[in-house]
Amino acid sequence: MRYLFFLSVFIQLSAAQPAIHVNNAASLGFGSAPANSFAPGSLIEVDLSLVAITGAIVPVDPTTVAIQIQPAGSAAVVSSASPTGVIARLSNDIPFGAATLTMTFNGQTSAPAQISIVPSSFGLFTRGNGGGPVLAQNALTKPARPGDFVTLWGTGLGAAKQDHVSVLLGGHVFPVSYAGPAPGFPGTDQINFQVPDDLSIPYGCYVAVALKIENYTSNIGMLSTAKDTQACQSPFGFTAAQMAQLDAGQSLYLGQVNLYDMVGKPVSQWFDVTGFARQESAEASFLSLDGTNVAGLTDPLQSADTYYSCYVSTIAGARFIGTSGALNAGNKLVLSSGNTALDLPLANPQTPSFYRAQLPVPSPVSSPDAVSTPFFRPGVWQVSSPGSADVQPFTGRLTIPPAVRISNAANLMSIDHTKDLTVQWNGSDYTDDYVATVQLAASSTVVCRAPASAGQLIIPAALMQGITQGANGTGLELLLTPKPDRVTTFSVPLVKGGTVPAMFRYYPSEAVPVQIH
């Protein structure tokens, strides 16, 4: 799992007829509702495609925008969604069925986008990227407790009645006390529910919350919960006082030190070679983040019986984490274990908080079982800094397990899509502090999770039957990550007093090419 940090994205329209994307204004396309499906009366986001990255921005002026829907219906522009898009509300009388939507703006008309009008296609409003903390009277220092009532907002309930709607809290289904239009906010739906006193629900700062409407679920948001009157338990090591600052909209520094051990086709030679090589690297950063971006660094917390499951994902992408500043942690960091050491220099002297080291990539070999032994050998590793004008000297420690190995890799390179697919690995080397995630990326992506200690998982034939060979190739990846609530943390003391929390994580993975028949 890598996080991309950007300051800005610039786009320019091509000379051809511009293309558009249409999404639910709340979910932004995430969730299990059919793609490009929308309910009458719901809010949609219409955005220009990113057709080229240049040094110029060509914005859409919402006052010039008109939206046309064929064969029937209309959508009224409500506001600007971004420099290149708008929020619009579909008419309540738009008929069900297939339709095309075009956007006219700045004297141009877009190419048509294919959409489908359905009785219900709900998205949950959250703070950021279709996920993150929910828009509710909920905070890290004011978490929801058993018996409390919580209000969620979204769009796209459409014809769904209250008895068709349930809340998924921590992955478990519970009834709602109201699901319908939000008074005074056209296009917006309101859902009320009472937090149950149920031992199956995990408690923490970022508990998964979503809506289940008949046979689909919305995008997943995060709700802060606790059993008692205290602040929620931060997986990042923030104190209650620091979480109060995040609740107040302030940004705080958070350190990240990540070790990567990847076995697969060399990324730098993707189009030129075949075979397998071990690729190891380390990254560190100390960035100032607000509460929404802090939440983007973890997965929503779910109970084990729902978190360890399989699903089909129609969207692949990275989370985009915004930062408002950086902390200088020294000219370099040092990773070490016993007599082995690796310097992490500044990736760019102009960016005094991002450190990176890439180990040399060996020549590829014909089998993943024949790759070189890892530099990041099992044992206790530490990251240290001699200090800087901002931080005092510090050391963080992490015990890493052996590198992950797919033990039946040879059987996975040619698979029958009508049968169960079993993936096996060295599970006895791991504890339940790690999660094993298998991603089979083909015509669509199947994702399955299991405890790393389990040593195997099965992708059921029911999911396999719906996929075919991908247009750009098909691959299977096994990735191990720390459980969301079991990340190793340490403290970085500041020269001016106080401390900054930091995470130390290890990500081993292996990927193999796959032929589906």
Protein backbone atom coordinates (compact mmCIF):
# COMPACT_ATOMS: atom_id res chain seq x y z
CA MET A 1 0.00 0.00 0.00
CA ARG A 2 1.55 3.25 -1.10
CA TYR A 3 0.15 6.69 -0.57
CA LEU A 4 0.59 9.41 -3.19
CA PHE A 5 1.10 12.98 -2.03
CA PHE A 6 0.22 15.68 -4.54
CA LEU A 7 -0.06 19.45 -4.27
CA SER A 8 -2.03 19.99 -7.49
CA VAL A 9 -3.20 18.44 -10.73
CA PHE A 10 -3.37 20.42 -13.94
CA ILE A 11 -5.52 19.48 -16.91
CA GLN A 12 -6.21 20.70 -20.40
CA LEU A 13 -9.09 19.75 -22.65
CA SER A 14 -8.19 17.96 -25.85
CA ALA A 15 -9.21 19.37 -29.18
CA ALA A 16 -11.64 16.47 -29.57
CA GLN A 17 -15.11 16.42 -28.05
CA PRO A 18 -14.45 16.34 -24.29
CA ALA A 19 -15.43 13.23 -22.35
CA ILE A 20 -17.20 13.32 -18.98
CA HIS A 21 -17.58 11.05 -15.98
CA VAL A 22 -20.84 10.86 -14.02
CA ASN A 23 -20.86 9.69 -10.39
CA ASN A 24 -23.13 9.70 -7.38
CA ALA A 25 -22.25 13.01 -5.70
CA ALA A 26 -21.70 11.27 -2.35
CA SER A 27 -20.08 7.92 -3.14
CA LEU A 28 -18.09 9.11 -6.20
CA GLY A 29 -18.54 5.66 -7.72
CA PHE A 30 -17.55 3.56 -4.70
CA GLY A 31 -19.90 0.94 -3.24
CA SER A 32 -21.57 -2.11 -4.78
CA ALA A 33 -24.42 -0.33 -6.59
CA PRO A 34 -24.24 -0.97 -10.36
CA ALA A 35 -21.81 1.41 -12.05
CA ASN A 36 -23.30 4.56 -13.60
CA SER A 37 -26.70 3.92 -12.01
CA PHE A 38 -28.66 6.77 -10.42
CA ALA A 39 -32.00 7.23 -8.69
CA PRO A 40 -34.51 9.94 -9.64
CA GLY A 41 -34.10 13.09 -7.55
CA SER A 42 -30.53 12.26 -6.50
CA LEU A 43 -27.43 14.43 -6.65
CA ILE A 44 -24.83 13.59 -9.28
CA GLU A 45 -21.33 14.86 -9.97
CA VAL A 46 -20.43 15.48 -13.61
CA ASP A 47 -16.68 15.92 -14.23
CA LEU A 48 -14.49 16.33 -17.26
CA SER A 49 -12.07 13.47 -17.89
CA LEU A 50 -8.40 14.08 -17.15
CA VAL A 51 -7.36 13.89 -20.79
CA ALA A 52 -3.92 15.47 -20.46
CA ILE A 53 -1.62 16.68 -17.71
CA THR A 54 -0.22 20.08 -18.64
CA GLY A 55 0.64 23.37 -17.04
CA ALA A 56 -2.77 24.95 -17.62
CA ILE A 57 -6.17 24.67 -15.95
CA VAL A 58 -9.27 24.93 -18.11
CA PRO A 59 -12.08 25.37 -15.57
CA VAL A 60 -15.78 24.79 -16.04
CA ASP A 61 -17.91 27.83 -15.21
CA PRO A 62 -21.06 26.37 -13.54
CA THR A 63 -23.14 29.35 -14.70
CA THR A 64 -22.54 28.26 -18.32
CA VAL A 65 -23.43 24.60 -17.75
CA ALA A 66 -26.53 22.85 -19.03
CA ILE A 67 -27.15 19.12 -18.71
CA GLN A 68 -29.21 17.18 -21.22
CA ILE A 69 -30.58 13.65 -20.69
CA GLN A 70 -31.99 11.50 -23.48
CA PRO A 71 -34.53 10.08 -24.10
CA ALA A 72 -36.24 12.02 -21.31
CA GLY A 73 -35.57 13.83 -18.07
CA SER A 74 -33.47 16.71 -16.84
CA ALA A 75 -30.88 17.70 -14.25
CA ALA A 76 -30.50 21.11 -12.63
CA VAL A 77 -27.02 22.37 -11.80
CA VAL A 78 -26.72 22.98 -8.06
CA SER A 79 -23.11 24.06 -7.55
CA SER A 80 -19.53 23.64 -8.67
CA ALA A 81 -17.96 20.33 -7.66
CA SER A 82 -14.41 21.23 -8.66
CA PRO A 83 -12.70 23.44 -11.22
CA THR A 84 -13.69 20.87 -13.83
CA GLY A 85 -17.13 19.68 -12.76
CA VAL A 86 -20.53 20.41 -11.28
CA ILE A 87 -23.08 18.98 -8.88
CA ALA A 88 -26.56 18.57 -10.38
CA ARG A 89 -29.88 17.15 -9.19
CA LEU A 90 -31.81 14.73 -11.34
CA SER A 91 -35.50 15.48 -11.80
CA ASN A 92 -37.89 13.38 -9.73
CA ASP A 93 -39.88 12.30 -12.80
CA ILE A 94 -36.99 10.99 -14.86
CA PRO A 95 -38.04 7.56 -16.22
CA PHE A 96 -36.27 4.31 -15.35
CA GLY A 97 -34.00 2.72 -17.92
CA ALA A 98 -30.94 3.43 -20.03
CA ALA A 99 -30.16 7.04 -20.91
CA THR A 100 -27.37 9.25 -22.18
CA LEU A 101 -26.18 12.40 -20.45
CA THR A 102 -24.26 15.28 -22.02
CA MET A 103 -22.93 18.47 -20.50
CA THR A 104 -22.77 21.77 -22.38
CA PHE A 105 -20.28 24.27 -20.93
CA ASN A 106 -18.23 27.21 -22.11
CA GLY A 107 -19.84 26.84 -25.53
CA GLN A 108 -18.87 23.16 -25.90
CA THR A 109 -20.91 19.96 -25.64
CA SER A 110 -19.34 16.84 -24.20
CA ALA A 111 -19.45 13.37 -25.66
CA PRO A 112 -22.44 11.44 -24.25
CA ALA A 113 -22.03 9.40 -21.05
CA GLN A 114 -24.11 6.23 -20.72
CA ILE A 115 -26.13 6.08 -17.49
CA SER A 116 -28.95 3.99 -16.05
CA ILE A 117 -31.89 5.31 -14.02
CA VAL A 118 -32.87 2.85 -11.29
CA PRO A 119 -35.23 2.90 -8.28
CA SER A 120 -32.38 3.30 -5.76
CA SER A 121 -28.60 3.81 -5.88
CA PHE A 122 -27.44 5.30 -2.59
CA GLY A 123 -24.16 6.99 -1.72
CA LEU A 124 -23.05 8.07 1.76
CA PHE A 125 -21.61 11.57 2.20
CA THR A 126 -18.16 11.42 3.81
CA ARG A 127 -15.19 13.73 4.07
CA GLY A 128 -12.93 12.73 1.21
CA ASN A 129 -12.60 10.39 -1.80
CA GLY A 130 -15.93 8.59 -1.33
CA GLY A 131 -14.72 7.40 2.11
CA GLY A 132 -13.41 8.77 5.38
CA PRO A 133 -15.16 10.19 8.44
CA VAL A 134 -18.91 10.55 7.96
CA LEU A 135 -20.62 13.91 7.93
CA ALA A 136 -22.26 13.58 11.33
CA GLN A 137 -22.14 15.07 14.81
CA ASN A 138 -19.35 12.66 15.58
CA ALA A 139 -15.75 13.32 16.50
CA LEU A 140 -12.65 11.55 17.79
CA THR A 141 -13.18 13.09 21.23
CA LYS A 142 -16.98 12.73 21.03
CA PRO A 143 -17.42 9.20 19.76
CA ALA A 144 -20.76 7.45 19.39
CA ARG A 145 -21.53 5.17 22.32
CA PRO A 146 -24.07 2.36 22.80
CA GLY A 147 -27.53 3.90 22.95
CA ASP A 148 -26.57 7.11 21.11
CA PHE A 149 -28.49 8.16 18.00
CA VAL A 150 -26.43 8.91 14.89
CA THR A 151 -27.54 10.80 11.78
CA LEU A 152 -25.99 10.07 8.39
CA TRP A 153 -26.57 11.87 5.09
CA GLY A 154 -26.38 10.70 1.52
CA THR A 155 -28.14 10.79 -1.80
CA GLY A 156 -29.90 8.26 -4.00
CA LEU A 157 -32.35 6.43 -1.72
CA GLY A 158 -34.98 7.04 -4.36
CA ALA A 159 -37.89 4.67 -3.94
CA ALA A 160 -36.29 2.63 -1.13
CA LYS A 161 -38.45 2.59 1.99
CA GLN A 162 -37.22 2.47 5.57
CA ASP A 163 -37.78 -1.27 5.91
CA HIS A 164 -35.50 -1.81 2.88
CA VAL A 165 -32.63 0.07 4.55
CA SER A 166 -30.18 -1.17 7.20
CA VAL A 167 -26.98 0.24 8.62
CA LEU A 168 -23.76 -1.78 8.50
CA LEU A 169 -21.72 -0.87 11.58
CA GLY A 170 -18.40 -2.67 11.87
CA GLY A 171 -19.73 -4.98 9.16
CA HIS A 172 -22.85 -6.06 11.10
CA VAL A 173 -26.40 -5.25 10.06
CA PHE A 174 -28.68 -3.19 12.32
CA PRO A 175 -32.04 -1.48 11.78
CA VAL A 176 -32.48 2.24 11.13
CA SER A 177 -35.08 4.44 12.80
CA TYR A 178 -35.51 6.77 9.80
CA ALA A 179 -34.50 6.69 6.14
CA GLY A 180 -35.93 9.32 3.82
CA PRO A 181 -35.58 12.84 2.49
CA ALA A 182 -33.57 15.31 4.57
CA PRO A 183 -35.97 18.19 5.36
CA GLY A 184 -34.98 21.38 3.57
CA PHE A 185 -32.18 19.82 1.47
CA PRO A 186 -33.46 18.74 -1.96
CA GLY A 187 -31.64 15.69 -3.30
CA THR A 188 -30.22 14.79 0.13
CA ASP A 189 -31.35 11.79 2.18
CA GLN A 190 -31.14 11.38 5.95
CA ILE A 191 -30.65 8.14 7.89
CA ASN A 192 -30.97 7.86 11.66
CA PHE A 193 -29.97 4.84 13.72
CA GLN A 194 -29.21 3.97 17.33
CA VAL A 195 -25.79 2.54 18.16
CA PRO A 196 -26.48 -0.94 19.55
CA ASP A 197 -24.90 -2.37 22.68
CA ASP A 198 -23.46 -5.33 20.80
CA LEU A 199 -20.20 -7.12 21.60
CA SER A 200 -19.72 -8.04 17.93
CA ILE A 201 -19.01 -4.41 16.99
CA PRO A 202 -15.40 -3.22 17.15
CA TYR A 203 -14.76 0.07 18.90
CA GLY A 204 -12.27 2.66 17.70
CA CYS A 205 -11.76 5.95 15.89
CA TYR A 206 -12.44 4.61 12.40
CA VAL A 207 -15.19 1.99 12.53
CA ALA A 208 -16.73 1.06 9.17
CA VAL A 209 -20.23 2.38 8.56
CA ALA A 210 -22.30 1.94 5.40
CA LEU A 211 -25.90 1.53 4.29
CA LYS A 212 -27.35 -1.70 2.95
CA ILE A 213 -30.29 -1.15 0.61
CA GLU A 214 -31.86 -4.42 -0.52
CA ASN A 215 -29.11 -6.24 -2.49
CA TYR A 216 -26.34 -3.61 -2.59
CA THR A 217 -24.28 -1.56 -0.15
CA SER A 218 -23.14 2.04 -0.24
CA ASN A 219 -19.59 3.29 -0.05
CA ILE A 220 -17.98 2.81 3.37
CA GLY A 221 -17.47 5.71 5.76
CA MET A 222 -15.87 5.83 9.19
CA LEU A 223 -17.57 6.45 12.51
CA SER A 224 -15.78 7.14 15.80
CA THR A 225 -17.10 4.84 18.55
CA ALA A 226 -16.22 4.05 22.17
CA LYS A 227 -17.66 2.00 25.01
CA ASP A 228 -17.12 4.66 27.68
CA THR A 229 -17.00 8.44 28.06
CA GLN A 230 -13.41 8.79 26.87
CA ALA A 231 -12.09 9.69 23.43
CA CYS A 232 -11.81 6.86 20.93
CA GLN A 233 -8.66 4.73 20.76
CA SER A 234 -6.34 6.14 18.07
CA PRO A 235 -4.47 3.51 16.03
CA PHE A 236 -1.81 6.15 15.26
CA GLY A 237 -0.86 6.94 18.86
CA PHE A 238 -2.49 10.38 19.10
CA THR A 239 -3.38 11.49 22.63
CA ALA A 240 -6.86 12.74 23.54
CA ALA A 241 -5.53 16.32 23.53
CA GLN A 242 -4.08 15.86 20.05
CA MET A 243 -7.32 14.33 18.79
CA ALA A 244 -9.18 17.36 20.13
CA GLN A 245 -6.94 19.50 17.91
CA LEU A 246 -7.83 17.33 14.90
CA ASP A 247 -11.52 17.66 15.79
CA ALA A 248 -11.08 21.44 15.82
CA GLY A 249 -9.84 21.35 12.23
CA GLN A 250 -6.15 21.73 13.02
CA SER A 251 -3.39 19.75 11.32
CA LEU A 252 -0.85 17.68 13.26
CA TYR A 253 2.38 16.00 12.32
CA LEU A 254 2.32 12.24 11.83
CA GLY A 255 5.37 10.18 10.93
CA GLN A 256 5.37 7.16 8.65
CA VAL A 257 8.19 4.69 8.08
CA ASN A 258 7.34 1.95 5.57
CA LEU A 259 9.42 -1.05 4.46
CA TYR A 260 8.46 -2.77 1.19
CA ASP A 261 9.49 -6.24 0.05
CA MET A 262 7.91 -7.11 -3.31
CA VAL A 263 8.52 -10.22 -5.40
CA GLY A 264 7.31 -10.02 -8.99
CA LYS A 265 8.10 -8.65 -12.40
CA PRO A 266 10.58 -5.76 -12.05
CA VAL A 267 8.54 -2.58 -12.18
CA SER A 268 11.34 -0.57 -13.80
CA GLN A 269 11.56 -3.12 -16.65
CA TRP A 270 7.86 -3.93 -16.95
CA PHE A 271 7.68 -3.90 -20.75
CA ASP A 272 11.13 -5.36 -21.44
CA VAL A 273 11.60 -8.52 -19.41
CA THR A 274 9.83 -11.53 -17.99
CA GLY A 275 10.59 -13.35 -14.77
CA PHE A 276 10.68 -12.47 -11.10
CA ALA A 277 12.90 -10.36 -8.89
CA ARG A 278 12.85 -9.20 -5.29
CA GLN A 279 12.36 -5.42 -5.09
CA GLU A 280 12.93 -3.79 -1.70
CA SER A 281 12.64 -0.18 -0.68
CA ALA A 282 12.01 2.02 2.33
CA GLU A 283 10.21 5.35 2.66
CA ALA A 284 9.65 7.77 5.50
CA SER A 285 7.81 11.06 5.87
CA PHE A 286 6.74 13.42 8.64
CA LEU A 287 3.79 15.40 7.32
CA SER A 288 1.20 17.75 8.76
CA LEU A 289 -2.27 16.28 8.18
CA ASP A 290 -5.81 17.26 9.09
CA GLY A 291 -8.31 14.80 10.53
CA THR A 292 -9.69 13.71 7.15
CA ASN A 293 -6.25 12.95 5.73
CA VAL A 294 -5.19 11.14 8.90
CA ALA A 295 -8.25 8.90 8.48
CA GLY A 296 -7.15 8.17 4.92
CA LEU A 297 -4.12 6.31 6.25
CA THR A 298 -6.12 3.41 7.67
CA ASP A 299 -8.75 0.93 6.59
CA PRO A 300 -12.20 1.12 8.23
CA LEU A 301 -12.34 -1.17 11.26
CA GLN A 302 -14.64 -4.19 10.94
CA SER A 303 -15.27 -7.30 13.00
CA ALA A 304 -13.25 -10.33 11.91
CA ASP A 305 -16.21 -12.28 10.54
CA THR A 306 -16.99 -9.51 8.03
CA TYR A 307 -13.51 -8.10 7.37
CA TYR A 308 -12.16 -11.49 6.29
CA SER A 309 -14.25 -12.01 3.18
CA CYS A 310 -14.23 -11.72 -0.62
CA TYR A 311 -15.78 -9.11 -2.90
CA VAL A 312 -15.55 -7.77 -6.44
CA SER A 313 -14.08 -4.30 -6.80
CA THR A 314 -14.87 -2.26 -9.91
CA ILE A 315 -12.55 0.61 -8.95
CA ALA A 316 -8.80 0.47 -8.62
CA GLY A 317 -6.80 3.45 -7.45
CA ALA A 318 -4.76 5.11 -4.75
CA ARG A 319 -5.85 7.29 -1.93
CA PHE A 320 -4.78 10.86 -2.34
CA ILE A 321 -3.47 12.33 0.88
CA GLY A 322 -3.17 16.09 1.19
CA THR A 323 -0.60 17.71 3.44
CA SER A 324 -0.23 21.21 4.83
CA GLY A 325 3.42 21.07 5.88
CA ALA A 326 6.43 18.91 6.65
CA LEU A 327 8.70 18.30 9.63
CA ASN A 328 12.46 18.16 9.16
CA ALA A 329 13.63 14.93 10.80
CA GLY A 330 17.30 15.36 9.85
CA ASN A 331 19.51 15.03 6.79
CA LYS A 332 18.99 11.27 6.73
CA LEU A 333 17.44 8.41 8.67
CA VAL A 334 19.14 5.09 9.31
CA LEU A 335 17.49 1.67 9.23
CA SER A 336 19.40 -1.05 11.01
CA SER A 337 19.17 -4.60 12.34
CA GLY A 338 22.22 -6.12 14.04
CA ASN A 339 25.21 -5.39 11.79
CA THR A 340 23.03 -4.49 8.78
CA ALA A 341 22.27 -0.85 8.05
CA LEU A 342 20.66 1.21 5.30
CA ASP A 343 20.69 4.98 4.95
CA LEU A 344 17.45 6.75 4.01
CA PRO A 345 18.55 10.05 2.49
CA LEU A 346 16.25 12.91 1.65
CA ALA A 347 14.53 12.11 -1.65
CA ASN A 348 14.77 15.79 -2.56
CA PRO A 349 16.78 18.37 -0.60
CA GLN A 350 13.97 20.84 -1.32
CA THR A 351 11.51 18.53 0.49
CA PRO A 352 12.98 18.20 4.00
CA SER A 353 10.62 15.49 5.19
CA PHE A 354 10.50 12.72 2.58
CA TYR A 355 13.13 10.00 2.74
CA ARG A 356 13.60 7.09 0.36
CA ALA A 357 16.03 4.27 -0.39
CA GLN A 358 15.69 1.73 -3.23
CA LEU A 359 17.83 -1.39 -2.98
CA PRO A 360 19.42 -2.68 -6.21
CA VAL A 361 17.08 -4.98 -8.15
CA PRO A 362 18.72 -8.35 -8.98
CA SER A 363 18.48 -9.94 -12.41
CA PRO A 364 15.12 -11.65 -12.91
CA VAL A 365 14.83 -15.41 -12.45
CA SER A 366 12.31 -17.83 -13.92
CA SER A 367 10.47 -18.70 -10.68
CA PRO A 368 9.40 -16.67 -7.64
CA ASP A 369 10.84 -19.49 -5.52
CA ALA A 370 14.33 -18.72 -6.88
CA VAL A 371 14.52 -15.00 -6.05
CA SER A 372 17.27 -13.64 -3.83
CA THR A 373 17.01 -13.65 -0.04
CA PRO A 374 15.60 -10.44 1.44
CA PHE A 375 17.68 -7.57 2.75
CA PHE A 376 14.91 -6.93 5.30
CA ARG A 377 15.55 -10.18 7.12
CA PRO A 378 13.33 -11.29 10.02
CA GLY A 379 14.02 -9.72 13.37
CA VAL A 380 14.02 -6.36 15.11
CA TRP A 381 14.67 -3.36 12.87
CA GLN A 382 15.06 0.16 14.07
CA VAL A 383 14.83 3.56 12.43
CA SER A 384 16.83 6.37 13.98
CA SER A 385 17.69 10.02 13.46
CA PRO A 386 20.44 12.10 15.04
CA GLY A 387 17.96 14.95 15.30
CA SER A 388 17.49 18.29 13.57
CA ALA A 389 16.37 21.82 14.28
CA ASP A 390 12.83 20.40 14.65
CA VAL A 391 13.25 17.04 16.37
CA GLN A 392 15.42 15.53 19.06
CA PRO A 393 17.23 12.25 18.32
CA PHE A 394 14.78 9.37 18.17
CA THR A 395 14.57 5.62 17.56
CA GLY A 396 11.61 3.49 16.57
CA ARG A 397 11.58 -0.32 16.55
CA LEU A 398 9.63 -2.89 14.56
CA THR A 399 9.80 -6.69 14.61
CA ILE A 400 9.34 -7.97 11.08
CA PRO A 401 8.43 -11.57 10.17
CA PRO A 402 9.87 -13.60 7.29
CA ALA A 403 9.06 -12.47 3.77
CA VAL A 404 5.81 -13.84 2.37
CA ARG A 405 5.95 -16.70 -0.13
CA ILE A 406 3.10 -18.04 -2.24
CA SER A 407 3.67 -21.76 -1.79
CA ASN A 408 1.47 -22.86 -4.72
CA ALA A 409 2.50 -20.14 -7.19
CA ALA A 410 3.06 -22.63 -10.02
CA ASN A 411 -0.59 -23.72 -9.78
CA LEU A 412 -1.87 -20.14 -10.04
CA MET A 413 -0.38 -19.16 -13.38
CA SER A 414 -3.12 -20.99 -15.31
CA ILE A 415 -6.50 -21.16 -13.60
CA ASP A 416 -10.03 -22.36 -14.35
CA HIS A 417 -12.51 -19.56 -13.80
CA THR A 418 -15.34 -22.04 -13.12
CA LYS A 419 -13.71 -23.49 -9.98
CA ASP A 420 -12.66 -22.32 -6.53
CA LEU A 421 -9.16 -20.85 -6.48
CA THR A 422 -6.96 -21.65 -3.48
CA VAL A 423 -3.99 -19.40 -2.65
CA GLN A 424 -1.47 -20.70 -0.08
CA TRP A 425 1.44 -19.05 1.70
CA ASN A 426 3.75 -19.46 4.72
CA GLY A 427 1.10 -18.65 7.31
CA SER A 428 2.96 -20.26 10.21
CA ASP A 429 5.48 -17.38 10.03
CA TYR A 430 2.81 -14.81 10.92
CA THR A 431 0.55 -13.77 13.76
CA ASP A 432 -2.91 -12.25 13.52
CA ASP A 433 -1.31 -8.81 13.68
CA TYR A 434 -1.07 -9.12 9.88
CA VAL A 435 -3.81 -9.37 7.27
CA ALA A 436 -3.35 -11.28 4.02
CA THR A 437 -5.06 -9.70 1.00
CA VAL A 438 -5.26 -11.45 -2.37
CA GLN A 439 -6.13 -9.37 -5.41
CA LEU A 440 -6.93 -11.11 -8.69
CA ALA A 441 -6.90 -8.31 -11.26
CA ALA A 442 -8.54 -9.32 -14.53
CA SER A 443 -11.62 -7.96 -16.35
CA SER A 444 -12.61 -6.91 -12.84
CA THR A 445 -10.76 -7.23 -9.55
CA VAL A 446 -11.60 -9.84 -6.93
CA VAL A 447 -10.32 -9.01 -3.44
CA CYS A 448 -10.17 -11.52 -0.57
CA ARG A 449 -8.82 -11.13 2.97
CA ALA A 450 -7.80 -13.65 5.60
CA PRO A 451 -5.67 -13.64 8.76
CA ALA A 452 -2.03 -13.93 7.68
CA SER A 453 -1.64 -16.85 10.09
CA ALA A 454 -4.31 -18.84 8.20
CA GLY A 455 -1.86 -19.70 5.42
CA GLN A 456 -4.51 -19.95 2.74
CA LEU A 457 -7.70 -18.48 1.41
CA ILE A 458 -10.18 -19.58 -1.25
CA ILE A 459 -11.67 -17.35 -3.91
CA PRO A 460 -15.09 -18.98 -4.42
CA ALA A 461 -16.16 -20.16 -7.86
CA ALA A 462 -19.19 -17.86 -7.65
CA LEU A 463 -16.83 -14.88 -7.90
CA MET A 464 -14.42 -16.54 -10.32
CA GLN A 465 -17.17 -17.21 -12.87
CA GLY A 466 -17.75 -13.52 -13.44
CA ILE A 467 -14.20 -12.66 -14.55
CA THR A 468 -12.29 -13.10 -17.77
CA GLN A 469 -8.75 -12.37 -18.91
CA GLY A 470 -7.94 -8.67 -18.51
CA ALA A 471 -7.38 -6.55 -21.61
CA ASN A 472 -3.97 -5.48 -20.26
CA GLY A 473 -3.06 -8.82 -18.75
CA THR A 474 -4.10 -10.56 -15.56
CA GLY A 475 -2.19 -10.90 -12.32
CA LEU A 476 -2.59 -12.20 -8.79
CA GLU A 477 -0.97 -10.43 -5.85
CA LEU A 478 -0.69 -11.52 -2.24
CA LEU A 479 -0.06 -8.54 0.05
CA LEU A 480 0.40 -8.59 3.81
CA THR A 481 -0.45 -5.49 5.83
CA PRO A 482 -0.68 -4.72 9.55
CA LYS A 483 -4.22 -4.95 10.91
CA PRO A 484 -5.78 -1.47 11.11
CA ASP A 485 -5.80 -1.49 14.92
CA ARG A 486 -2.40 -3.18 15.43
CA VAL A 487 0.07 -0.82 13.81
CA THR A 488 3.45 -0.41 15.56
CA THR A 489 3.92 3.19 16.70
CA PHE A 490 6.66 5.23 18.36
CA SER A 491 7.11 8.84 19.47
CA VAL A 492 9.32 11.54 17.96
CA PRO A 493 10.31 14.18 20.58
CA LEU A 494 10.23 17.79 19.39
CA VAL A 495 12.92 20.34 20.17
CA LYS A 496 10.25 22.79 21.33
CA GLY A 497 8.57 20.23 23.56
CA GLY A 498 5.91 17.61 23.05
CA THR A 499 6.00 14.60 20.77
CA VAL A 500 4.83 13.56 17.32
CA PRO A 501 3.40 10.05 16.83
CA ALA A 502 4.86 7.89 14.08
CA MET A 503 4.01 4.54 12.49
CA PHE A 504 6.52 1.84 11.54
CA ARG A 505 5.13 -0.70 9.04
CA TYR A 506 6.31 -3.64 6.91
CA TYR A 507 4.60 -4.63 3.64
CA PRO A 508 5.69 -7.93 2.06
CA SER A 509 4.04 -9.04 -1.20
CA GLU A 510 4.36 -11.43 -4.12
CA ALA A 511 2.72 -11.19 -7.55
CA VAL A 512 2.41 -13.74 -10.37
CA PRO A 513 0.99 -13.45 -13.90
CA VAL A 514 -2.18 -15.44 -14.50
CA GLN A 515 -3.91 -16.96 -17.52
CA ILE A 516 -7.64 -17.51 -17.06
CA HIS A 517 -9.43 -20.22 -19.04
